[in-house]
């Protein structure tokens, strides 16, 4: 027997944690995965690791719920 969740569903969107974010896609795919790293050096090494097999996009750094750099600079994270 499955346990059904009771109560009202969550309506508030989740926020992103502070750190550096990159987006990974398979070639020819529309879906993407966001990956967070704590430091810039860790993020750069992760980008190098995935560049051979995936499309890698740098999204930027998040501080206190806002984008600190990247194409969304100054906007809230949702």
Protein backbone atom coordinates (compact mmCIF):
# COMPACT_ATOMS: atom_id res chain seq x y z
CA UNK A 1 0.00 0.00 0.00
CA UNK A 2 1.42 3.38 -1.01
CA UNK A 3 1.57 6.25 1.44
CA UNK A 4 -0.07 9.30 -0.03
CA UNK A 5 1.21 12.67 1.03
CA UNK A 6 -1.39 14.64 2.87
CA UNK A 7 -1.76 18.36 3.03
CA UNK A 8 -1.26 21.19 0.66
CA UNK A 9 1.49 20.95 -1.98
CA UNK A 10 4.45 23.31 -1.88
CA UNK A 11 3.84 26.48 -3.88
CA UNK A 12 6.99 28.45 -3.08
CA UNK A 13 9.80 27.73 -5.58
CA UNK A 14 13.10 26.50 -4.19
CA UNK A 15 16.10 28.82 -4.01
CA UNK A 16 19.61 28.09 -5.20
CA UNK A 17 22.43 27.75 -2.67
CA UNK A 18 25.39 30.12 -2.74
CA UNK A 19 28.14 29.00 -5.10
CA UNK A 20 29.14 28.76 -8.76
CA UNK A 21 26.76 27.16 -11.25
CA UNK A 22 27.26 25.51 -14.62
CA UNK A 23 24.72 23.92 -16.93
CA UNK A 24 25.37 20.57 -18.66
CA UNK A 25 23.55 19.32 -21.77
CA UNK A 26 24.00 16.33 -24.00
CA UNK A 27 24.65 17.28 -27.61
CA UNK A 28 21.31 17.56 -29.41
CA UNK A 29 19.28 17.57 -26.20
CA UNK A 30 16.98 20.27 -24.80
CA UNK A 31 17.09 19.17 -21.16
CA UNK A 32 19.90 20.39 -18.92
CA UNK A 33 21.35 19.74 -15.46
CA UNK A 34 22.67 22.47 -13.15
CA UNK A 35 25.77 21.70 -11.10
CA UNK A 36 26.96 23.80 -8.15
CA UNK A 37 30.53 24.10 -6.86
CA UNK A 38 31.77 26.05 -3.85
CA UNK A 39 34.88 27.60 -5.37
CA UNK A 40 35.84 28.98 -8.77
CA UNK A 41 38.74 26.51 -9.08
CA UNK A 42 36.43 23.52 -8.48
CA UNK A 43 33.97 24.86 -11.04
CA UNK A 44 36.67 25.34 -13.68
CA UNK A 45 38.01 21.82 -13.20
CA UNK A 46 34.46 20.44 -13.51
CA UNK A 47 33.98 22.38 -16.76
CA UNK A 48 37.18 20.87 -18.20
CA UNK A 49 36.07 17.40 -17.10
CA UNK A 50 32.71 17.57 -18.92
CA UNK A 51 33.75 19.55 -22.05
CA UNK A 52 34.67 16.44 -24.05
CA UNK A 53 31.27 14.78 -23.88
CA UNK A 54 28.73 17.52 -23.06
CA UNK A 55 27.82 21.11 -23.86
CA UNK A 56 28.88 23.22 -20.84
CA UNK A 57 27.48 26.70 -20.09
CA UNK A 58 28.67 28.90 -17.22
CA UNK A 59 25.59 30.32 -15.48
CA UNK A 60 27.31 32.46 -12.84
CA UNK A 61 27.82 32.86 -9.11
CA UNK A 62 24.95 33.04 -6.62
CA UNK A 63 25.27 35.12 -3.44
CA UNK A 64 22.39 35.64 -0.98
CA UNK A 65 19.74 34.48 -3.45
CA UNK A 66 20.90 36.73 -6.33
CA UNK A 67 23.15 36.18 -9.34
CA UNK A 68 26.47 37.97 -8.73
CA UNK A 69 27.72 37.53 -12.31
CA UNK A 70 26.85 35.81 -15.57
CA UNK A 71 24.02 36.62 -17.95
CA UNK A 72 21.45 36.88 -15.10
CA UNK A 73 23.53 39.34 -13.05
CA UNK A 74 21.46 41.12 -10.39
CA UNK A 75 18.34 38.97 -10.82
CA UNK A 76 16.83 36.78 -8.09
CA UNK A 77 17.21 33.03 -8.27
CA UNK A 78 13.95 31.15 -8.40
